[in-house]
PDB file of N, CA and C in Angstrom:
ATOM      1  N   UNK A   1      29.455  -8.542 -34.209  1.00  0.00           N
ATOM      2  CA  UNK A   1      30.449  -8.682 -33.120  1.00  0.00           C
ATOM      3  C   UNK A   1      29.751  -9.709 -32.269  1.00  0.00           C
ATOM      4  N   UNK A   2      30.740 -10.658 -31.762  1.00  0.00           N
ATOM      5  CA  UNK A   2      30.046 -11.769 -31.102  1.00  0.00           C
ATOM      6  C   UNK A   2      30.795 -11.676 -29.625  1.00  0.00           C
ATOM      7  N   UNK A   3      29.929 -11.879 -28.661  1.00  0.00           N
ATOM      8  CA  UNK A   3      30.436 -11.835 -27.292  1.00  0.00           C
ATOM      9  C   UNK A   3      29.785 -12.957 -26.303  1.00  0.00           C
ATOM     10  N   UNK A   4      30.796 -13.748 -25.790  1.00  0.00           N
ATOM     11  CA  UNK A   4      30.417 -15.035 -25.017  1.00  0.00           C
ATOM     12  C   UNK A   4      30.701 -14.625 -23.313  1.00  0.00           C
ATOM     13  N   UNK A   5      29.653 -15.185 -22.646  1.00  0.00           N
ATOM     14  CA  UNK A   5      29.727 -15.008 -21.206  1.00  0.00           C
ATOM     15  C   UNK A   5      29.146 -16.216 -20.635  1.00  0.00           C
ATOM     16  N   UNK A   6      29.335 -16.538 -19.490  1.00  0.00           N
ATOM     17  CA  UNK A   6      28.477 -17.459 -18.570  1.00  0.00           C
ATOM     18  C   UNK A   6      27.281 -16.893 -17.892  1.00  0.00           C
ATOM     19  N   UNK A   7      26.217 -17.603 -17.804  1.00  0.00           N
ATOM     20  CA  UNK A   7      24.980 -17.022 -17.121  1.00  0.00           C
ATOM     21  C   UNK A   7      24.229 -18.186 -16.374  1.00  0.00           C
ATOM     22  N   UNK A   8      23.022 -17.933 -16.027  1.00  0.00           N
ATOM     23  CA  UNK A   8      22.135 -18.512 -15.193  1.00  0.00           C
ATOM     24  C   UNK A   8      20.976 -18.585 -16.255  1.00  0.00           C
ATOM     25  N   UNK A   9      20.338 -19.843 -16.441  1.00  0.00           N
ATOM     26  CA  UNK A   9      19.229 -19.806 -17.291  1.00  0.00           C
ATOM     27  C   UNK A   9      18.085 -20.300 -16.112  1.00  0.00           C
ATOM     28  N   UNK A  10      17.034 -19.432 -15.764  1.00  0.00           N
ATOM     29  CA  UNK A  10      15.984 -19.540 -15.082  1.00  0.00           C
ATOM     30  C   UNK A  10      14.685 -19.933 -15.563  1.00  0.00           C
ATOM     31  N   UNK A  11      14.161 -20.936 -15.331  1.00  0.00           N
ATOM     32  CA  UNK A  11      12.811 -21.458 -15.956  1.00  0.00           C
ATOM     33  C   UNK A  11      11.823 -21.628 -14.795  1.00  0.00           C
ATOM     34  N   UNK A  12      10.811 -20.739 -15.167  1.00  0.00           N
ATOM     35  CA  UNK A  12       9.551 -20.858 -14.265  1.00  0.00           C
ATOM     36  C   UNK A  12       8.393 -21.432 -14.847  1.00  0.00           C
ATOM     37  N   UNK A  13       7.903 -22.270 -14.225  1.00  0.00           N
ATOM     38  CA  UNK A  13       6.768 -23.263 -14.800  1.00  0.00           C
ATOM     39  C   UNK A  13       5.395 -22.921 -14.003  1.00  0.00           C
ATOM     40  N   UNK A  14       4.356 -22.241 -14.593  1.00  0.00           N
ATOM     41  CA  UNK A  14       3.312 -22.137 -13.710  1.00  0.00           C
ATOM     42  C   UNK A  14       1.879 -22.337 -14.676  1.00  0.00           C
ATOM     43  N   UNK A  15       0.844 -22.044 -14.243  1.00  0.00           N
ATOM     44  CA  UNK A  15      -0.300 -22.132 -14.929  1.00  0.00           C
ATOM     45  C   UNK A  15      -0.644 -20.952 -15.487  1.00  0.00           C
ATOM     46  N   UNK A  16      -1.460 -21.151 -16.660  1.00  0.00           N
ATOM     47  CA  UNK A  16      -2.013 -19.985 -17.368  1.00  0.00           C
ATOM     48  C   UNK A  16      -3.108 -19.387 -16.274  1.00  0.00           C
ATOM     49  N   UNK A  17      -3.801 -19.940 -15.531  1.00  0.00           N
ATOM     50  CA  UNK A  17      -4.866 -19.378 -14.616  1.00  0.00           C
ATOM     51  C   UNK A  17      -4.371 -18.731 -13.333  1.00  0.00           C
ATOM     52  N   UNK A  18      -2.946 -19.048 -13.069  1.00  0.00           N
ATOM     53  CA  UNK A  18      -2.394 -18.346 -11.922  1.00  0.00           C
ATOM     54  C   UNK A  18      -2.510 -16.821 -11.834  1.00  0.00           C
ATOM     55  N   UNK A  19      -2.925 -16.368 -10.746  1.00  0.00           N
ATOM     56  CA  UNK A  19      -2.873 -15.126 -10.536  1.00  0.00           C
ATOM     57  C   UNK A  19      -2.232 -14.497  -9.439  1.00  0.00           C
ATOM     58  N   UNK A  20      -1.733 -12.915  -9.486  1.00  0.00           N
ATOM     59  CA  UNK A  20      -1.157 -12.549  -8.286  1.00  0.00           C
ATOM     60  C   UNK A  20      -1.938 -11.069  -8.519  1.00  0.00           C
ATOM     61  N   UNK A  21      -2.784 -10.658  -7.185  1.00  0.00           N
ATOM     62  CA  UNK A  21      -3.414  -9.519  -7.068  1.00  0.00           C
ATOM     63  C   UNK A  21      -4.216  -9.309  -8.322  1.00  0.00           C
ATOM     64  N   UNK A  22      -4.911 -10.270  -8.599  1.00  0.00           N
ATOM     65  CA  UNK A  22      -5.845 -10.042  -9.794  1.00  0.00           C
ATOM     66  C   UNK A  22      -5.315 -10.067 -11.088  1.00  0.00           C
ATOM     67  N   UNK A  23      -4.051 -10.020 -11.337  1.00  0.00           N
ATOM     68  CA  UNK A  23      -3.388  -9.936 -12.561  1.00  0.00           C
ATOM     69  C   UNK A  23      -2.734 -11.251 -12.972  1.00  0.00           C
ATOM     70  N   UNK A  24      -2.750 -11.630 -14.174  1.00  0.00           N
ATOM     71  CA  UNK A  24      -1.982 -12.949 -14.649  1.00  0.00           C
ATOM     72  C   UNK A  24      -0.634 -13.090 -13.955  1.00  0.00           C
ATOM     73  N   UNK A  25      -0.270 -14.076 -13.307  1.00  0.00           N
ATOM     74  CA  UNK A  25       0.994 -14.239 -12.403  1.00  0.00           C
ATOM     75  C   UNK A  25       2.401 -14.032 -13.580  1.00  0.00           C
ATOM     76  N   UNK A  26       2.052 -14.531 -14.823  1.00  0.00           N
ATOM     77  CA  UNK A  26       3.222 -14.493 -15.642  1.00  0.00           C
ATOM     78  C   UNK A  26       3.376 -13.025 -16.036  1.00  0.00           C
ATOM     79  N   UNK A  27       2.484 -12.152 -16.198  1.00  0.00           N
ATOM     80  CA  UNK A  27       2.655 -10.533 -16.494  1.00  0.00           C
ATOM     81  C   UNK A  27       3.135 -10.069 -15.413  1.00  0.00           C
ATOM     82  N   UNK A  28       2.791 -10.376 -14.106  1.00  0.00           N
ATOM     83  CA  UNK A  28       3.360  -9.794 -12.919  1.00  0.00           C
ATOM     84  C   UNK A  28       4.817 -10.139 -12.769  1.00  0.00           C
ATOM     85  N   UNK A  29       5.091 -11.394 -13.046  1.00  0.00           N
ATOM     86  CA  UNK A  29       6.577 -11.741 -13.011  1.00  0.00           C
ATOM     87  C   UNK A  29       7.230 -10.928 -14.104  1.00  0.00           C
ATOM     88  N   UNK A  30       6.928 -11.079 -15.328  1.00  0.00           N
ATOM     89  CA  UNK A  30       7.575 -10.325 -16.395  1.00  0.00           C
ATOM     90  C   UNK A  30       7.933  -8.755 -15.946  1.00  0.00           C
ATOM     91  N   UNK A  31       6.907  -8.077 -15.580  1.00  0.00           N
ATOM     92  CA  UNK A  31       7.095  -6.647 -15.243  1.00  0.00           C
ATOM     93  C   UNK A  31       7.887  -6.346 -14.143  1.00  0.00           C
ATOM     94  N   UNK A  32       7.805  -7.501 -13.153  1.00  0.00           N
ATOM     95  CA  UNK A  32       8.866  -7.438 -12.003  1.00  0.00           C
ATOM     96  C   UNK A  32      10.405  -7.582 -12.327  1.00  0.00           C
ATOM     97  N   UNK A  33      10.590  -8.406 -13.305  1.00  0.00           N
ATOM     98  CA  UNK A  33      11.738  -8.767 -13.943  1.00  0.00           C
ATOM     99  C   UNK A  33      12.322  -7.607 -14.588  1.00  0.00           C
ATOM    100  N   UNK A  34      11.433  -6.909 -15.197  1.00  0.00           N
ATOM    101  CA  UNK A  34      11.961  -5.667 -16.310  1.00  0.00           C
ATOM    102  C   UNK A  34      12.212  -4.500 -15.050  1.00  0.00           C
ATOM    103  N   UNK A  35      11.473  -4.370 -14.119  1.00  0.00           N
ATOM    104  CA  UNK A  35      11.699  -3.299 -13.096  1.00  0.00           C
ATOM    105  C   UNK A  35      12.980  -3.636 -12.311  1.00  0.00           C
ATOM    106  N   UNK A  36      13.469  -4.994 -12.291  1.00  0.00           N
ATOM    107  CA  UNK A  36      14.647  -5.110 -11.723  1.00  0.00           C
ATOM    108  C   UNK A  36      15.972  -5.071 -12.386  1.00  0.00           C
ATOM    109  N   UNK A  37      15.719  -4.879 -13.650  1.00  0.00           N
ATOM    110  CA  UNK A  37      16.858  -4.748 -14.575  1.00  0.00           C
ATOM    111  C   UNK A  37      17.344  -6.100 -15.115  1.00  0.00           C
ATOM    112  N   UNK A  38      16.675  -6.997 -15.086  1.00  0.00           N
ATOM    113  CA  UNK A  38      16.958  -8.341 -15.652  1.00  0.00           C
ATOM    114  C   UNK A  38      17.064  -8.253 -17.330  1.00  0.00           C
ATOM    115  N   UNK A  39      18.104  -8.800 -17.778  1.00  0.00           N
ATOM    116  CA  UNK A  39      18.458  -8.581 -19.104  1.00  0.00           C
ATOM    117  C   UNK A  39      17.210  -9.047 -20.306  1.00  0.00           C
ATOM    118  N   UNK A  40      16.541  -9.885 -19.908  1.00  0.00           N
ATOM    119  CA  UNK A  40      15.334 -10.089 -20.844  1.00  0.00           C
ATOM    120  C   UNK A  40      14.659 -11.435 -20.101  1.00  0.00           C
ATOM    121  N   UNK A  41      13.264 -11.512 -20.739  1.00  0.00           N
ATOM    122  CA  UNK A  41      12.527 -12.658 -20.248  1.00  0.00           C
ATOM    123  C   UNK A  41      11.669 -12.772 -21.552  1.00  0.00           C
ATOM    124  N   UNK A  42      11.161 -14.389 -21.611  1.00  0.00           N
ATOM    125  CA  UNK A  42      10.301 -14.770 -22.862  1.00  0.00           C
ATOM    126  C   UNK A  42       9.389 -15.803 -21.986  1.00  0.00           C
ATOM    127  N   UNK A  43       8.038 -15.573 -22.345  1.00  0.00           N
ATOM    128  CA  UNK A  43       6.878 -16.491 -21.981  1.00  0.00           C
ATOM    129  C   UNK A  43       6.469 -17.009 -23.022  1.00  0.00           C
ATOM    130  N   UNK A  44       6.388 -18.532 -22.773  1.00  0.00           N
ATOM    131  CA  UNK A  44       5.809 -19.417 -23.807  1.00  0.00           C
ATOM    132  C   UNK A  44       4.490 -20.095 -22.951  1.00  0.00           C
ATOM    133  N   UNK A  45       3.572 -20.300 -23.940  1.00  0.00           N
ATOM    134  CA  UNK A  45       2.434 -21.022 -23.742  1.00  0.00           C
ATOM    135  C   UNK A  45       2.518 -22.320 -24.189  1.00  0.00           C
ATOM    136  N   UNK A  46       2.176 -23.260 -23.169  1.00  0.00           N
ATOM    137  CA  UNK A  46       2.509 -24.749 -23.671  1.00  0.00           C
ATOM    138  C   UNK A  46       1.015 -25.217 -24.446  1.00  0.00           C
ATOM    139  N   UNK A  47       1.025 -26.320 -25.234  1.00  0.00           N
ATOM    140  CA  UNK A  47      -0.148 -26.789 -26.031  1.00  0.00           C
ATOM    141  C   UNK A  47      -0.623 -28.015 -25.144  1.00  0.00           C
ATOM    142  N   UNK A  48       0.106 -28.537 -24.314  1.00  0.00           N
ATOM    143  CA  UNK A  48      -0.008 -29.729 -23.459  1.00  0.00           C
ATOM    144  C   UNK A  48       0.777 -29.954 -22.318  1.00  0.00           C
ATOM    145  N   UNK A  49       0.137 -30.497 -21.070  1.00  0.00           N
ATOM    146  CA  UNK A  49       1.324 -30.666 -20.052  1.00  0.00           C
ATOM    147  C   UNK A  49       0.607 -31.134 -18.908  1.00  0.00           C
ATOM    148  N   UNK A  50       1.290 -31.547 -17.753  1.00  0.00           N
ATOM    149  CA  UNK A  50       0.741 -32.044 -16.531  1.00  0.00           C
ATOM    150  C   UNK A  50       1.708 -31.615 -15.574  1.00  0.00           C
ATOM    151  N   UNK A  51       1.271 -31.425 -14.399  1.00  0.00           N
ATOM    152  CA  UNK A  51       2.282 -31.084 -13.118  1.00  0.00           C
ATOM    153  C   UNK A  51       1.963 -32.091 -11.955  1.00  0.00           C
ATOM    154  N   UNK A  52       1.998 -31.595 -10.902  1.00  0.00           N
ATOM    155  CA  UNK A  52       2.083 -32.179  -9.806  1.00  0.00           C
ATOM    156  C   UNK A  52       0.911 -33.134  -9.510  1.00  0.00           C
ATOM    157  N   UNK A  53      -0.381 -32.548  -9.849  1.00  0.00           N
ATOM    158  CA  UNK A  53      -1.587 -33.403  -9.801  1.00  0.00           C
ATOM    159  C   UNK A  53      -1.832 -34.423 -10.870  1.00  0.00           C
ATOM    160  N   UNK A  54      -1.027 -34.507 -11.733  1.00  0.00           N
ATOM    161  CA  UNK A  54      -1.125 -35.283 -12.932  1.00  0.00           C
ATOM    162  C   UNK A  54      -2.454 -35.245 -13.710  1.00  0.00           C
ATOM    163  N   UNK A  55      -2.783 -33.964 -13.824  1.00  0.00           N
ATOM    164  CA  UNK A  55      -4.164 -33.718 -14.551  1.00  0.00           C
ATOM    165  C   UNK A  55      -3.382 -33.025 -15.999  1.00  0.00           C
ATOM    166  N   UNK A  56      -3.938 -33.680 -17.059  1.00  0.00           N
ATOM    167  CA  UNK A  56      -3.337 -33.353 -18.380  1.00  0.00           C
ATOM    168  C   UNK A  56      -4.031 -31.965 -18.721  1.00  0.00           C
ATOM    169  N   UNK A  57      -3.499 -31.002 -18.950  1.00  0.00           N
ATOM    170  CA  UNK A  57      -3.805 -29.487 -19.694  1.00  0.00           C
ATOM    171  C   UNK A  57      -3.648 -29.711 -21.177  1.00  0.00           C
ATOM    172  N   UNK A  58      -4.352 -29.306 -21.957  1.00  0.00           N
ATOM    173  CA  UNK A  58      -4.361 -29.473 -23.350  1.00  0.00           C
ATOM    174  C   UNK A  58      -5.038 -28.264 -24.117  1.00  0.00           C
ATOM    175  N   UNK A  59      -4.711 -27.957 -25.373  1.00  0.00           N
ATOM    176  CA  UNK A  59      -5.644 -27.197 -26.229  1.00  0.00           C
ATOM    177  C   UNK A  59      -6.380 -28.034 -27.088  1.00  0.00           C
ATOM    178  N   UNK A  60      -6.465 -29.290 -27.094  1.00  0.00           N
ATOM    179  CA  UNK A  60      -7.350 -30.331 -27.651  1.00  0.00           C
ATOM    180  C   UNK A  60      -8.911 -29.651 -27.637  1.00  0.00           C
ATOM    181  N   UNK A  61      -9.423 -29.677 -28.823  1.00  0.00           N
ATOM    182  CA  UNK A  61     -10.840 -29.300 -28.810  1.00  0.00           C
ATOM    183  C   UNK A  61     -11.886 -30.201 -28.078  1.00  0.00           C
ATOM    184  N   UNK A  62     -11.279 -31.512 -27.706  1.00  0.00           N
ATOM    185  CA  UNK A  62     -12.191 -32.323 -27.148  1.00  0.00           C
ATOM    186  C   UNK A  62     -12.021 -32.004 -25.421  1.00  0.00           C
ATOM    187  N   UNK A  63     -11.025 -31.557 -24.935  1.00  0.00           N
ATOM    188  CA  UNK A  63     -10.628 -31.222 -23.643  1.00  0.00           C
ATOM    189  C   UNK A  63      -9.967 -30.019 -23.493  1.00  0.00           C
ATOM    190  N   UNK A  64     -10.897 -29.056 -23.794  1.00  0.00           N
ATOM    191  CA  UNK A  64     -10.224 -27.680 -23.890  1.00  0.00           C
ATOM    192  C   UNK A  64      -9.858 -27.156 -22.483  1.00  0.00           C
ATOM    193  N   UNK A  65      -8.825 -26.757 -22.179  1.00  0.00           N
ATOM    194  CA  UNK A  65      -8.165 -26.316 -20.721  1.00  0.00           C
ATOM    195  C   UNK A  65      -8.283 -24.867 -20.728  1.00  0.00           C
ATOM    196  N   UNK A  66      -8.622 -24.398 -19.480  1.00  0.00           N
ATOM    197  CA  UNK A  66      -8.247 -22.869 -19.179  1.00  0.00           C
ATOM    198  C   UNK A  66      -7.028 -22.636 -18.318  1.00  0.00           C
ATOM    199  N   UNK A  67      -6.311 -23.730 -18.387  1.00  0.00           N
ATOM    200  CA  UNK A  67      -5.052 -23.546 -17.453  1.00  0.00           C
ATOM    201  C   UNK A  67      -3.900 -24.133 -18.232  1.00  0.00           C
ATOM    202  N   UNK A  68      -3.537 -23.756 -19.301  1.00  0.00           N
ATOM    203  CA  UNK A  68      -2.380 -24.185 -19.776  1.00  0.00           C
ATOM    204  C   UNK A  68      -1.031 -24.056 -19.220  1.00  0.00           C
ATOM    205  N   UNK A  69      -0.082 -24.566 -19.555  1.00  0.00           N
ATOM    206  CA  UNK A  69       1.179 -24.566 -18.922  1.00  0.00           C
ATOM    207  C   UNK A  69       1.769 -23.284 -19.294  1.00  0.00           C
ATOM    208  N   UNK A  70       2.498 -22.560 -18.631  1.00  0.00           N
ATOM    209  CA  UNK A  70       3.182 -21.464 -19.034  1.00  0.00           C
ATOM    210  C   UNK A  70       4.661 -21.606 -18.630  1.00  0.00           C
ATOM    211  N   UNK A  71       5.525 -21.102 -19.432  1.00  0.00           N
ATOM    212  CA  UNK A  71       6.991 -21.252 -19.084  1.00  0.00           C
ATOM    213  C   UNK A  71       7.578 -19.828 -19.273  1.00  0.00           C
ATOM    214  N   UNK A  72       8.320 -19.358 -18.274  1.00  0.00           N
ATOM    215  CA  UNK A  72       8.975 -18.306 -18.456  1.00  0.00           C
ATOM    216  C   UNK A  72      10.511 -18.661 -18.480  1.00  0.00           C
ATOM    217  N   UNK A  73      11.156 -17.978 -19.376  1.00  0.00           N
ATOM    218  CA  UNK A  73      12.735 -18.075 -19.666  1.00  0.00           C
ATOM    219  C   UNK A  73      13.403 -16.837 -19.153  1.00  0.00           C
ATOM    220  N   UNK A  74      14.373 -17.018 -18.401  1.00  0.00           N
ATOM    221  CA  UNK A  74      15.161 -15.575 -18.113  1.00  0.00           C
ATOM    222  C   UNK A  74      16.678 -16.292 -18.070  1.00  0.00           C
ATOM    223  N   UNK A  75      17.580 -15.442 -18.765  1.00  0.00           N
ATOM    224  CA  UNK A  75      18.886 -15.743 -18.633  1.00  0.00           C
ATOM    225  C   UNK A  75      19.653 -14.340 -18.450  1.00  0.00           C
ATOM    226  N   UNK A  76      20.436 -14.423 -17.188  1.00  0.00           N
ATOM    227  CA  UNK A  76      21.215 -13.424 -16.791  1.00  0.00           C
ATOM    228  C   UNK A  76      22.443 -13.776 -15.762  1.00  0.00           C
ATOM    229  N   UNK A  77      23.014 -12.893 -15.318  1.00  0.00           N
ATOM    230  CA  UNK A  77      24.077 -13.334 -14.584  1.00  0.00           C
ATOM    231  C   UNK A  77      23.675 -13.801 -13.230  1.00  0.00           C
ATOM    232  N   UNK A  78      24.556 -14.445 -12.653  1.00  0.00           N
ATOM    233  CA  UNK A  78      24.328 -15.095 -11.437  1.00  0.00           C
ATOM    234  C   UNK A  78      23.914 -14.327 -10.152  1.00  0.00           C
ATOM    235  N   UNK A  79      24.573 -13.050 -10.165  1.00  0.00           N
ATOM    236  CA  UNK A  79      24.168 -12.163  -9.233  1.00  0.00           C
ATOM    237  C   UNK A  79      22.727 -11.394  -9.514  1.00  0.00           C
ATOM    238  N   UNK A  80      22.597 -11.213 -10.797  1.00  0.00           N
ATOM    239  CA  UNK A  80      20.920 -10.785 -10.970  1.00  0.00           C
ATOM    240  C   UNK A  80      20.087 -11.848 -10.729  1.00  0.00           C
ATOM    241  N   UNK A  81      20.248 -13.096 -11.060  1.00  0.00           N
ATOM    242  CA  UNK A  81      19.113 -14.019 -10.734  1.00  0.00           C
ATOM    243  C   UNK A  81      19.168 -14.209  -9.208  1.00  0.00           C
ATOM    244  N   UNK A  82      20.160 -14.083  -8.497  1.00  0.00           N
ATOM    245  CA  UNK A  82      19.886 -14.278  -6.878  1.00  0.00           C
ATOM    246  C   UNK A  82      19.359 -12.933  -6.396  1.00  0.00           C
ATOM    247  N   UNK A  83      19.381 -11.881  -7.169  1.00  0.00           N
ATOM    248  CA  UNK A  83      18.806 -10.838  -6.535  1.00  0.00           C
ATOM    249  C   UNK A  83      17.112 -10.839  -6.754  1.00  0.00           C
ATOM    250  N   UNK A  84      16.775 -11.432  -7.608  1.00  0.00           N
ATOM    251  CA  UNK A  84      15.325 -11.818  -7.896  1.00  0.00           C
ATOM    252  C   UNK A  84      14.685 -13.045  -7.191  1.00  0.00           C
ATOM    253  N   UNK A  85      15.501 -13.771  -6.829  1.00  0.00           N
ATOM    254  CA  UNK A  85      14.950 -15.206  -6.313  1.00  0.00           C
ATOM    255  C   UNK A  85      13.876 -14.859  -4.963  1.00  0.00           C
ATOM    256  N   UNK A  86      14.366 -13.996  -4.178  1.00  0.00           N
ATOM    257  CA  UNK A  86      13.495 -13.679  -2.930  1.00  0.00           C
ATOM    258  C   UNK A  86      12.210 -13.217  -3.423  1.00  0.00           C
ATOM    259  N   UNK A  87      12.147 -12.369  -4.373  1.00  0.00           N
ATOM    260  CA  UNK A  87      10.763 -11.689  -4.736  1.00  0.00           C
ATOM    261  C   UNK A  87      10.046 -12.878  -5.439  1.00  0.00           C
ATOM    262  N   UNK A  88      10.663 -13.803  -6.334  1.00  0.00           N
ATOM    263  CA  UNK A  88       9.738 -15.030  -6.802  1.00  0.00           C
ATOM    264  C   UNK A  88       9.344 -15.675  -5.766  1.00  0.00           C
ATOM    265  N   UNK A  89      10.032 -16.032  -4.704  1.00  0.00           N
ATOM    266  CA  UNK A  89       9.427 -16.814  -3.493  1.00  0.00           C
ATOM    267  C   UNK A  89       8.108 -16.113  -2.922  1.00  0.00           C
ATOM    268  N   UNK A  90       8.192 -14.705  -3.030  1.00  0.00           N
ATOM    269  CA  UNK A  90       6.964 -14.222  -2.311  1.00  0.00           C
ATOM    270  C   UNK A  90       5.616 -14.181  -3.282  1.00  0.00           C
ATOM    271  N   UNK A  91       5.900 -14.432  -4.688  1.00  0.00           N
ATOM    272  CA  UNK A  91       4.899 -14.242  -5.478  1.00  0.00           C
ATOM    273  C   UNK A  91       4.137 -15.618  -6.101  1.00  0.00           C
ATOM    274  N   UNK A  92       5.208 -16.870  -6.054  1.00  0.00           N
ATOM    275  CA  UNK A  92       4.778 -17.897  -6.603  1.00  0.00           C
ATOM    276  C   UNK A  92       4.358 -18.871  -5.603  1.00  0.00           C
ATOM    277  N   UNK A  93       3.073 -19.167  -5.704  1.00  0.00           N
ATOM    278  CA  UNK A  93       2.681 -20.080  -4.405  1.00  0.00           C
ATOM    279  C   UNK A  93       2.462 -21.515  -4.960  1.00  0.00           C
ATOM    280  N   UNK A  94       2.441 -21.794  -6.323  1.00  0.00           N
ATOM    281  CA  UNK A  94       2.317 -23.045  -6.817  1.00  0.00           C
ATOM    282  C   UNK A  94       3.032 -22.996  -8.152  1.00  0.00           C
ATOM    283  N   UNK A  95       3.949 -23.993  -8.393  1.00  0.00           N
ATOM    284  CA  UNK A  95       4.825 -24.070  -9.505  1.00  0.00           C
ATOM    285  C   UNK A  95       6.137 -24.604  -9.512  1.00  0.00           C
ATOM    286  N   UNK A  96       6.915 -24.464 -10.469  1.00  0.00           N
ATOM    287  CA  UNK A  96       8.246 -25.235 -10.542  1.00  0.00           C
ATOM    288  C   UNK A  96       9.525 -24.088 -11.142  1.00  0.00           C
ATOM    289  N   UNK A  97      10.528 -23.934 -10.267  1.00  0.00           N
ATOM    290  CA  UNK A  97      11.647 -23.210 -10.831  1.00  0.00           C
ATOM    291  C   UNK A  97      12.945 -23.982 -10.962  1.00  0.00           C
ATOM    292  N   UNK A  98      13.528 -23.786 -12.058  1.00  0.00           N
ATOM    293  CA  UNK A  98      14.842 -24.469 -12.424  1.00  0.00           C
ATOM    294  C   UNK A  98      15.755 -23.552 -12.668  1.00  0.00           C
ATOM    295  N   UNK A  99      17.024 -23.946 -12.346  1.00  0.00           N
ATOM    296  CA  UNK A  99      17.978 -22.973 -12.588  1.00  0.00           C
ATOM    297  C   UNK A  99      19.310 -23.831 -13.211  1.00  0.00           C
ATOM    298  N   UNK A 100      19.898 -23.514 -14.087  1.00  0.00           N
ATOM    299  CA  UNK A 100      21.077 -23.925 -14.701  1.00  0.00           C
ATOM    300  C   UNK A 100      22.180 -23.301 -15.268  1.00  0.00           C
ATOM    301  N   UNK A 101      23.515 -23.467 -15.205  1.00  0.00           N
ATOM    302  CA  UNK A 101      24.564 -22.579 -15.668  1.00  0.00           C
ATOM    303  C   UNK A 101      24.359 -22.765 -17.154  1.00  0.00           C
ATOM    304  N   UNK A 102      24.559 -21.846 -17.973  1.00  0.00           N
ATOM    305  CA  UNK A 102      24.567 -21.592 -19.448  1.00  0.00           C
ATOM    306  C   UNK A 102      25.801 -20.951 -20.028  1.00  0.00           C
ATOM    307  N   UNK A 103      25.976 -20.950 -21.202  1.00  0.00           N
ATOM    308  CA  UNK A 103      26.946 -20.387 -22.001  1.00  0.00           C
ATOM    309  C   UNK A 103      26.179 -19.481 -22.915  1.00  0.00           C
ATOM    310  N   UNK A 104      26.386 -18.054 -22.803  1.00  0.00           N
ATOM    311  CA  UNK A 104      25.742 -17.146 -23.812  1.00  0.00           C
ATOM    312  C   UNK A 104      26.568 -16.717 -24.706  1.00  0.00           C
ATOM    313  N   UNK A 105      26.130 -16.658 -25.951  1.00  0.00           N
ATOM    314  CA  UNK A 105      26.631 -16.243 -27.183  1.00  0.00           C
ATOM    315  C   UNK A 105      25.818 -15.156 -27.792  1.00  0.00           C
ATOM    316  N   UNK A 106      26.083 -13.730 -27.458  1.00  0.00           N
ATOM    317  CA  UNK A 106      25.486 -12.639 -27.810  1.00  0.00           C
ATOM    318  C   UNK A 106      26.041 -11.833 -29.194  1.00  0.00           C
ATOM    319  N   UNK A 107      24.940 -11.921 -30.215  1.00  0.00           N
ATOM    320  CA  UNK A 107      25.401 -11.272 -31.610  1.00  0.00           C
ATOM    321  C   UNK A 107      24.836 -10.064 -31.625  1.00  0.00           C
ATOM    322  N   UNK A 108      25.609  -8.931 -31.881  1.00  0.00           N
ATOM    323  CA  UNK A 108      25.000  -7.717 -32.185  1.00  0.00           C
ATOM    324  C   UNK A 108      26.199  -6.803 -32.205  1.00  0.00           C
ATOM    325  N   UNK A 109      25.696  -5.234 -32.288  1.00  0.00           N
ATOM    326  CA  UNK A 109      26.756  -4.266 -32.799  1.00  0.00           C
ATOM    327  C   UNK A 109      27.178  -3.481 -31.493  1.00  0.00           C
TER     328      UNK A 109
END
């Protein structure tokens, strides 16, 4: 069975060393998203990247970084994304969040 709908794709760009109350920020965000009933989230760990300060973070053995880029992707309804935005505002102190409208094609029974 195939089902199509529109949604919002939320991308949260943070650093691996970012913390919230002593816990990795990405874990705190994923747990909060689950508690809020968000459809799903995926965390990606980047191998190289740079941000506002233009410092390159990389997995290169010559420049081993302890603060690699982290990307959290979330796709859900516009209403559900709007519901979690204030909570993200409270816990993200440094990073970048993007939103875009997407078409979801869900395959399943």
